[in-house]
């Protein structure tokens, strides 16, 4: 681990943009999203499954179901043509949720593996080998949160993906039932012990789980003093830098968070815990009103030696979380400027 991060070493980091993270109007179709992302200078995309469904409805004239894999594969082949024509590549398919922990023989477990096979067909059509899986937020009473069961499920997933030379990017969702932190998912990936198992790390998911708390007045975890919180968070990022091999990090997703104008209720609303609702509506790009220590997360990741994909994944409903409208080309350009500023700030010789 080196604490020195030269700006020169960051110049060739490939930059991606999640297709779900741009567009606010019905007219903001996937082709227009791709045009805006490419025009801003990004070279890759995270292809979002809901965008495949929406584009499928647009070109077929009917609403496609999420399990209609044959027509969805055909739709994805058309999307691949659009991606190629814009000089982009599909870096990853996302977001695959609620995979692990279902009881043996349950309908949910059968559905999870059926979905995997369908998504693998879509990945082949999109030309990507990377599947993002978020640590499940299924209710604890419905899944087995025993670590051995979780690891076994993910081994099965990796072995299935390996039949087509595909990889698992496992992400800690900070409201997850069993693995809300980077360390949780890293320990699981180590136990899975498969060459095609790695991490999808995220500046929001890490700082939003270990530093921020949308249910408090200050927007911070409040069971310790701010000074102690900063020390604990810094120690966590130092541990990440020391313990996670660079080749086990497949990408770093970039976003910040607004502090909600009023603390969010601690109850679950429409299936989402407070941090899940926060993630869904209050995540701007860097330097656009957020307050989390996202640079410290990225520095921890970069100190591992990682120089792979940085991907902008934002869900910006404005400071009040109620939504905002914008013109996509200008928004994508702002995102690129934000990303470049973020890289400069993360270097130790251009801070």
Protein backbone atom coordinates (compact mmCIF):
# COMPACT_ATOMS: atom_id res chain seq x y z
CA UNK A 1 0.00 0.00 0.00
CA UNK A 2 1.30 3.43 -0.93
CA UNK A 3 -0.12 6.60 0.59
CA UNK A 4 1.11 8.57 -2.44
CA UNK A 5 -1.45 8.98 -5.24
CA UNK A 6 0.01 10.81 -8.22
CA UNK A 7 -2.39 12.66 -10.47
CA UNK A 8 -0.47 11.26 -13.43
CA UNK A 9 -1.45 7.73 -12.34
CA UNK A 10 -5.13 8.71 -12.46
CA UNK A 11 -5.16 10.12 -16.00
CA UNK A 12 -5.96 6.79 -17.62
CA UNK A 13 -8.66 5.64 -15.22
CA UNK A 14 -11.60 4.60 -17.44
CA UNK A 15 -14.75 6.59 -16.75
CA UNK A 16 -18.27 5.20 -16.87
CA UNK A 17 -21.79 6.49 -16.28
CA UNK A 18 -24.79 4.47 -15.09
CA UNK A 19 -27.66 4.63 -17.57
CA UNK A 20 -30.14 4.85 -14.68
CA UNK A 21 -28.45 8.01 -13.41
CA UNK A 22 -29.50 10.45 -16.09
CA UNK A 23 -32.83 11.61 -17.46
CA UNK A 24 -35.92 12.93 -15.76
CA UNK A 25 -38.54 13.12 -18.50
CA UNK A 26 -40.34 10.55 -20.64
CA UNK A 27 -38.60 12.03 -23.67
CA UNK A 28 -35.21 11.21 -22.10
CA UNK A 29 -35.04 7.86 -23.86
CA UNK A 30 -32.12 5.44 -23.74
CA UNK A 31 -30.73 6.49 -27.16
CA UNK A 32 -30.68 10.12 -26.01
CA UNK A 33 -29.08 9.11 -22.70
CA UNK A 34 -26.29 7.29 -24.52
CA UNK A 35 -25.70 10.26 -26.81
CA UNK A 36 -25.39 12.62 -23.83
CA UNK A 37 -23.08 10.28 -21.91
CA UNK A 38 -20.79 9.78 -24.91
CA UNK A 39 -20.75 13.48 -25.82
CA UNK A 40 -19.55 14.30 -22.29
CA UNK A 41 -16.52 12.04 -22.75
CA UNK A 42 -17.43 8.91 -20.80
CA UNK A 43 -16.32 5.67 -22.46
CA UNK A 44 -18.42 3.10 -20.62
CA UNK A 45 -21.86 2.61 -19.15
CA UNK A 46 -23.43 0.57 -16.44
CA UNK A 47 -26.48 -0.76 -18.26
CA UNK A 48 -29.48 -0.69 -15.97
CA UNK A 49 -32.09 -3.43 -16.33
CA UNK A 50 -35.00 -0.95 -16.04
CA UNK A 51 -33.55 0.90 -19.04
CA UNK A 52 -33.66 -2.35 -21.03
CA UNK A 53 -37.32 -2.79 -20.08
CA UNK A 54 -38.16 0.82 -20.98
CA UNK A 55 -36.37 0.69 -24.34
CA UNK A 56 -37.99 -2.67 -25.04
CA UNK A 57 -41.41 -1.14 -24.53
CA UNK A 58 -40.43 1.75 -26.79
CA UNK A 59 -39.35 -0.38 -29.75
CA UNK A 60 -41.87 -3.23 -29.42
CA UNK A 61 -44.91 -1.12 -28.62
CA UNK A 62 -45.82 -3.20 -25.59
CA UNK A 63 -44.73 -3.47 -21.99
CA UNK A 64 -42.18 -6.24 -21.56
CA UNK A 65 -42.14 -8.32 -18.39
CA UNK A 66 -38.93 -8.65 -16.39
CA UNK A 67 -38.85 -12.41 -17.03
CA UNK A 68 -39.42 -12.25 -20.79
CA UNK A 69 -35.79 -13.02 -21.46
CA UNK A 70 -35.95 -13.97 -25.15
CA UNK A 71 -37.43 -10.62 -26.27
CA UNK A 72 -35.24 -8.79 -23.74
CA UNK A 73 -32.15 -10.38 -25.28
CA UNK A 74 -33.28 -9.13 -28.69
CA UNK A 75 -33.84 -5.66 -27.24
CA UNK A 76 -30.36 -5.74 -25.70
CA UNK A 77 -28.83 -6.61 -29.07
CA UNK A 78 -30.38 -3.40 -30.40
CA UNK A 79 -29.04 -1.50 -27.40
CA UNK A 80 -25.57 -2.91 -28.11
CA UNK A 81 -25.74 -1.40 -31.59
CA UNK A 82 -26.57 1.99 -30.07
CA UNK A 83 -23.77 1.65 -27.51
CA UNK A 84 -21.27 0.78 -30.25
CA UNK A 85 -22.41 3.61 -32.51
CA UNK A 86 -21.74 6.06 -29.67
CA UNK A 87 -18.23 4.72 -29.07
CA UNK A 88 -19.22 3.33 -25.67
CA UNK A 89 -19.00 -0.08 -24.05
CA UNK A 90 -21.26 -1.81 -21.55
CA UNK A 91 -19.01 -2.15 -18.53
CA UNK A 92 -21.57 -3.90 -16.31
CA UNK A 93 -25.21 -4.99 -16.05
CA UNK A 94 -26.99 -3.80 -12.92
CA UNK A 95 -28.69 -3.96 -10.41
CA UNK A 96 -29.30 -7.59 -9.47
CA UNK A 97 -30.88 -7.62 -6.00
CA UNK A 98 -32.10 -10.05 -3.37
CA UNK A 99 -30.12 -13.02 -4.64
CA UNK A 100 -28.59 -14.66 -1.58
CA UNK A 101 -29.96 -16.24 1.59
CA UNK A 102 -33.27 -17.73 0.39
CA UNK A 103 -34.15 -21.12 1.95
CA UNK A 104 -33.42 -24.23 -0.12
CA UNK A 105 -36.44 -25.25 -2.17
CA UNK A 106 -38.11 -21.87 -1.79
CA UNK A 107 -39.81 -20.12 -4.69
CA UNK A 108 -37.56 -17.11 -4.12
CA UNK A 109 -34.39 -19.17 -4.45
CA UNK A 110 -35.62 -20.80 -7.64
CA UNK A 111 -36.54 -17.39 -9.01
CA UNK A 112 -33.12 -15.95 -8.09
CA UNK A 113 -31.27 -18.59 -10.09
CA UNK A 114 -33.74 -18.38 -12.96
CA UNK A 115 -33.14 -14.64 -13.08
CA UNK A 116 -29.38 -15.18 -13.11
CA UNK A 117 -29.57 -17.36 -16.21
CA UNK A 118 -31.79 -14.82 -17.96
CA UNK A 119 -29.50 -11.95 -17.01
CA UNK A 120 -26.49 -13.90 -18.27
CA UNK A 121 -28.15 -14.15 -21.67
CA UNK A 122 -28.68 -10.39 -21.56
CA UNK A 123 -25.04 -9.84 -20.56
CA UNK A 124 -23.89 -11.82 -23.58
CA UNK A 125 -26.09 -9.71 -25.84
CA UNK A 126 -24.74 -6.52 -24.24
CA UNK A 127 -21.12 -7.64 -24.56
CA UNK A 128 -20.29 -7.45 -20.86
CA UNK A 129 -18.86 -10.02 -18.48
CA UNK A 130 -19.67 -8.19 -15.23
CA UNK A 131 -22.81 -8.58 -13.10
CA UNK A 132 -23.45 -6.29 -10.15
CA UNK A 133 -25.15 -7.95 -7.20
CA UNK A 134 -26.10 -5.87 -4.17
CA UNK A 135 -26.00 -7.41 -0.70
CA UNK A 136 -29.62 -8.35 -0.10
CA UNK A 137 -32.04 -6.19 1.83
CA UNK A 138 -34.69 -8.92 2.09
CA UNK A 139 -36.29 -8.97 5.56
CA UNK A 140 -34.23 -10.96 8.08
CA UNK A 141 -37.16 -13.21 8.93
CA UNK A 142 -37.39 -14.42 5.34
CA UNK A 143 -33.77 -15.23 4.56
CA UNK A 144 -30.95 -17.16 6.19
CA UNK A 145 -28.32 -14.61 7.18
CA UNK A 146 -25.86 -17.25 8.36
CA UNK A 147 -22.51 -16.47 6.73
CA UNK A 148 -22.03 -20.05 5.53
CA UNK A 149 -25.34 -19.97 3.68
CA UNK A 150 -24.56 -16.59 2.09
CA UNK A 151 -21.12 -17.77 0.98
CA UNK A 152 -22.54 -21.01 -0.43
CA UNK A 153 -25.11 -19.14 -2.51
CA UNK A 154 -22.49 -16.77 -3.92
CA UNK A 155 -20.17 -19.66 -4.73
CA UNK A 156 -22.99 -21.25 -6.71
CA UNK A 157 -23.54 -17.93 -8.47
CA UNK A 158 -19.86 -17.54 -9.32
CA UNK A 159 -19.63 -21.10 -10.62
CA UNK A 160 -22.65 -20.45 -12.84
CA UNK A 161 -21.15 -17.20 -14.12
CA UNK A 162 -17.83 -18.95 -14.75
CA UNK A 163 -19.46 -21.25 -17.31
CA UNK A 164 -19.59 -18.19 -19.57
CA UNK A 165 -16.41 -16.46 -18.35
CA UNK A 166 -18.43 -13.90 -16.38
CA UNK A 167 -17.68 -12.17 -13.09
CA UNK A 168 -19.55 -11.13 -9.95
CA UNK A 169 -19.20 -7.55 -8.66
CA UNK A 170 -20.58 -7.78 -5.11
CA UNK A 171 -21.65 -4.48 -3.57
CA UNK A 172 -22.47 -3.54 -0.02
CA UNK A 173 -25.78 -1.71 0.07
CA UNK A 174 -25.60 0.34 3.26
CA UNK A 175 -29.13 -0.69 4.29
CA UNK A 176 -28.46 -4.40 3.62
CA UNK A 177 -29.82 -7.01 6.01
CA UNK A 178 -26.52 -8.83 6.43
CA UNK A 179 -23.64 -6.96 4.72
CA UNK A 180 -23.94 -3.16 4.87
CA UNK A 181 -20.21 -2.29 4.93
CA UNK A 182 -17.24 -2.71 2.60
CA UNK A 183 -15.62 -4.99 5.17
CA UNK A 184 -18.70 -7.25 5.29
CA UNK A 185 -18.68 -7.83 1.52
CA UNK A 186 -14.90 -8.17 1.39
CA UNK A 187 -14.94 -10.88 4.08
CA UNK A 188 -17.69 -12.67 2.15
CA UNK A 189 -15.80 -12.43 -1.15
CA UNK A 190 -12.69 -13.83 0.56
CA UNK A 191 -14.69 -16.80 1.84
CA UNK A 192 -16.37 -17.32 -1.55
CA UNK A 193 -12.81 -17.78 -2.84
CA UNK A 194 -13.57 -17.77 -6.54
CA UNK A 195 -11.37 -16.06 -9.15
CA UNK A 196 -14.42 -14.38 -10.70
CA UNK A 197 -15.69 -12.87 -7.42
CA UNK A 198 -14.78 -9.26 -6.68
CA UNK A 199 -16.10 -6.02 -5.28
CA UNK A 200 -18.23 -3.16 -6.52
CA UNK A 201 -17.28 -0.41 -4.08
CA UNK A 202 -19.23 2.84 -3.83
CA UNK A 203 -18.40 6.18 -2.23
CA UNK A 204 -21.99 6.66 -1.07
CA UNK A 205 -22.59 3.14 0.20
CA UNK A 206 -19.38 3.25 2.25
CA UNK A 207 -19.55 6.77 3.68
CA UNK A 208 -23.35 6.66 3.93
CA UNK A 209 -23.17 3.54 6.06
CA UNK A 210 -20.14 4.28 8.24
CA UNK A 211 -20.34 8.08 8.55
CA UNK A 212 -23.72 9.46 7.53
CA UNK A 213 -27.14 8.73 8.96
CA UNK A 214 -30.23 10.33 7.36
CA UNK A 215 -32.35 9.78 10.48
CA UNK A 216 -30.39 12.22 12.67
CA UNK A 217 -30.49 16.02 12.84
CA UNK A 218 -26.85 16.41 11.80
CA UNK A 219 -27.03 13.66 9.20
CA UNK A 220 -24.24 11.82 10.98
CA UNK A 221 -23.98 8.66 13.03
CA UNK A 222 -24.51 10.09 16.49
CA UNK A 223 -23.62 7.37 18.99
CA UNK A 224 -20.13 8.91 19.18
CA UNK A 225 -18.68 12.42 19.01
CA UNK A 226 -17.90 13.92 15.58
CA UNK A 227 -14.20 13.72 16.40
CA UNK A 228 -14.44 10.05 17.26
CA UNK A 229 -16.58 9.42 14.17
CA UNK A 230 -13.93 10.97 11.94
CA UNK A 231 -11.23 8.86 13.58
CA UNK A 232 -13.21 5.63 13.21
CA UNK A 233 -14.05 6.37 9.58
CA UNK A 234 -10.44 7.24 8.77
CA UNK A 235 -9.30 3.98 10.37
CA UNK A 236 -11.81 2.04 8.28
CA UNK A 237 -10.55 3.59 5.04
CA UNK A 238 -6.97 2.90 6.10
CA UNK A 239 -7.92 -0.74 6.71
CA UNK A 240 -9.52 -0.95 3.28
CA UNK A 241 -6.34 0.39 1.70
CA UNK A 242 -4.18 -2.11 3.58
CA UNK A 243 -6.29 -5.26 3.24
CA UNK A 244 -8.13 -5.31 -0.09
CA UNK A 245 -6.06 -6.34 -3.14
CA UNK A 246 -6.50 -4.01 -6.11
CA UNK A 247 -7.38 -6.89 -8.43
CA UNK A 248 -10.38 -7.77 -6.26
CA UNK A 249 -11.94 -4.35 -6.84
CA UNK A 250 -13.83 -4.35 -10.13
CA UNK A 251 -15.08 -0.77 -10.02
CA UNK A 252 -15.71 2.24 -7.80
CA UNK A 253 -19.07 3.99 -8.12
CA UNK A 254 -19.08 7.72 -7.43
CA UNK A 255 -21.80 9.80 -5.77
CA UNK A 256 -22.35 11.99 -2.72
CA UNK A 257 -25.48 12.59 -0.63
CA UNK A 258 -27.58 15.54 0.44
CA UNK A 259 -28.44 15.84 4.09
CA UNK A 260 -32.24 15.53 4.06
CA UNK A 261 -33.99 18.77 5.08
CA UNK A 262 -35.71 16.81 7.85
CA UNK A 263 -34.44 13.55 9.38
CA UNK A 264 -35.95 10.54 7.63
CA UNK A 265 -38.27 8.30 9.59
CA UNK A 266 -36.61 5.15 10.90
CA UNK A 267 -39.46 2.96 9.69
CA UNK A 268 -39.49 0.97 6.46
CA UNK A 269 -41.49 2.71 3.71
CA UNK A 270 -42.51 0.83 0.54
CA UNK A 271 -39.97 -1.84 1.37
CA UNK A 272 -37.10 0.60 1.81
CA UNK A 273 -35.24 1.28 5.04
CA UNK A 274 -34.14 4.88 5.72
CA UNK A 275 -30.75 4.55 4.07
CA UNK A 276 -32.43 2.88 1.09
CA UNK A 277 -34.77 5.86 0.65
CA UNK A 278 -31.80 8.20 1.09
CA UNK A 279 -29.92 6.32 -1.61
CA UNK A 280 -32.89 6.39 -3.95
CA UNK A 281 -33.54 10.15 -3.92
CA UNK A 282 -30.72 12.14 -2.31
CA UNK A 283 -27.53 11.27 -4.23
CA UNK A 284 -25.96 14.09 -6.28
CA UNK A 285 -22.68 14.08 -8.14
CA UNK A 286 -19.60 15.28 -6.20
CA UNK A 287 -19.45 19.00 -5.37
CA UNK A 288 -23.15 19.57 -5.99
CA UNK A 289 -24.43 19.99 -2.45
CA UNK A 290 -23.45 16.73 -0.75
CA UNK A 291 -21.61 16.42 2.54
CA UNK A 292 -20.15 12.93 2.87
CA UNK A 293 -16.38 12.23 2.98
CA UNK A 294 -16.41 10.62 -0.46
CA UNK A 295 -12.87 11.69 -1.35
CA UNK A 296 -11.58 9.72 1.62
CA UNK A 297 -13.33 6.60 0.32
CA UNK A 298 -11.79 7.00 -3.13
CA UNK A 299 -8.35 7.63 -1.65
CA UNK A 300 -8.63 4.43 0.34
CA UNK A 301 -9.51 2.54 -2.82
CA UNK A 302 -6.73 4.18 -4.85
CA UNK A 303 -4.15 3.41 -2.16
CA UNK A 304 -4.73 -0.28 -2.86
CA UNK A 305 -3.23 0.39 -6.30
CA UNK A 306 -6.62 0.16 -8.03
CA UNK A 307 -6.80 2.15 -11.27
CA UNK A 308 -9.86 0.55 -12.84
CA UNK A 309 -13.32 1.88 -13.62
CA UNK A 310 -14.69 4.97 -11.87
CA UNK A 311 -18.41 5.08 -12.58
CA UNK A 312 -20.84 7.90 -11.89
CA UNK A 313 -23.96 6.45 -10.29
CA UNK A 314 -26.20 9.20 -8.97
CA UNK A 315 -29.87 9.46 -8.00
CA UNK A 316 -30.41 13.18 -7.71
CA UNK A 317 -33.88 14.14 -6.59
CA UNK A 318 -32.64 17.56 -5.50
CA UNK A 319 -31.91 18.67 -1.92
CA UNK A 320 -35.50 17.90 -0.91
CA UNK A 321 -35.50 14.51 -2.66
CA UNK A 322 -38.67 15.37 -4.58
CA UNK A 323 -37.12 15.37 -8.04
CA UNK A 324 -35.47 17.84 -10.38
CA UNK A 325 -35.46 18.44 -14.10
CA UNK A 326 -32.48 19.22 -16.29
CA UNK A 327 -31.22 19.06 -19.85
CA UNK A 328 -29.28 15.82 -20.25
CA UNK A 329 -26.34 17.04 -22.31
CA UNK A 330 -25.49 19.79 -19.86
CA UNK A 331 -26.01 17.46 -16.92
CA UNK A 332 -23.65 14.84 -18.37
CA UNK A 333 -21.05 17.53 -19.06
CA UNK A 334 -21.33 18.70 -15.45
CA UNK A 335 -20.87 15.09 -14.34
CA UNK A 336 -17.64 14.81 -16.33
CA UNK A 337 -16.35 18.09 -14.88
CA UNK A 338 -17.27 16.81 -11.42
CA UNK A 339 -15.48 13.52 -12.04
CA UNK A 340 -12.32 15.25 -13.24
CA UNK A 341 -12.33 17.56 -10.23
CA UNK A 342 -12.87 14.51 -8.01
CA UNK A 343 -9.83 12.77 -9.50
CA UNK A 344 -7.68 15.87 -8.96
CA UNK A 345 -8.84 16.14 -5.35
CA UNK A 346 -8.11 12.46 -4.76
CA UNK A 347 -4.50 12.76 -5.87
CA UNK A 348 -1.95 13.69 -3.24
CA UNK A 349 0.00 16.02 -5.54
CA UNK A 350 -2.95 18.04 -6.93
CA UNK A 351 -5.21 18.42 -3.87
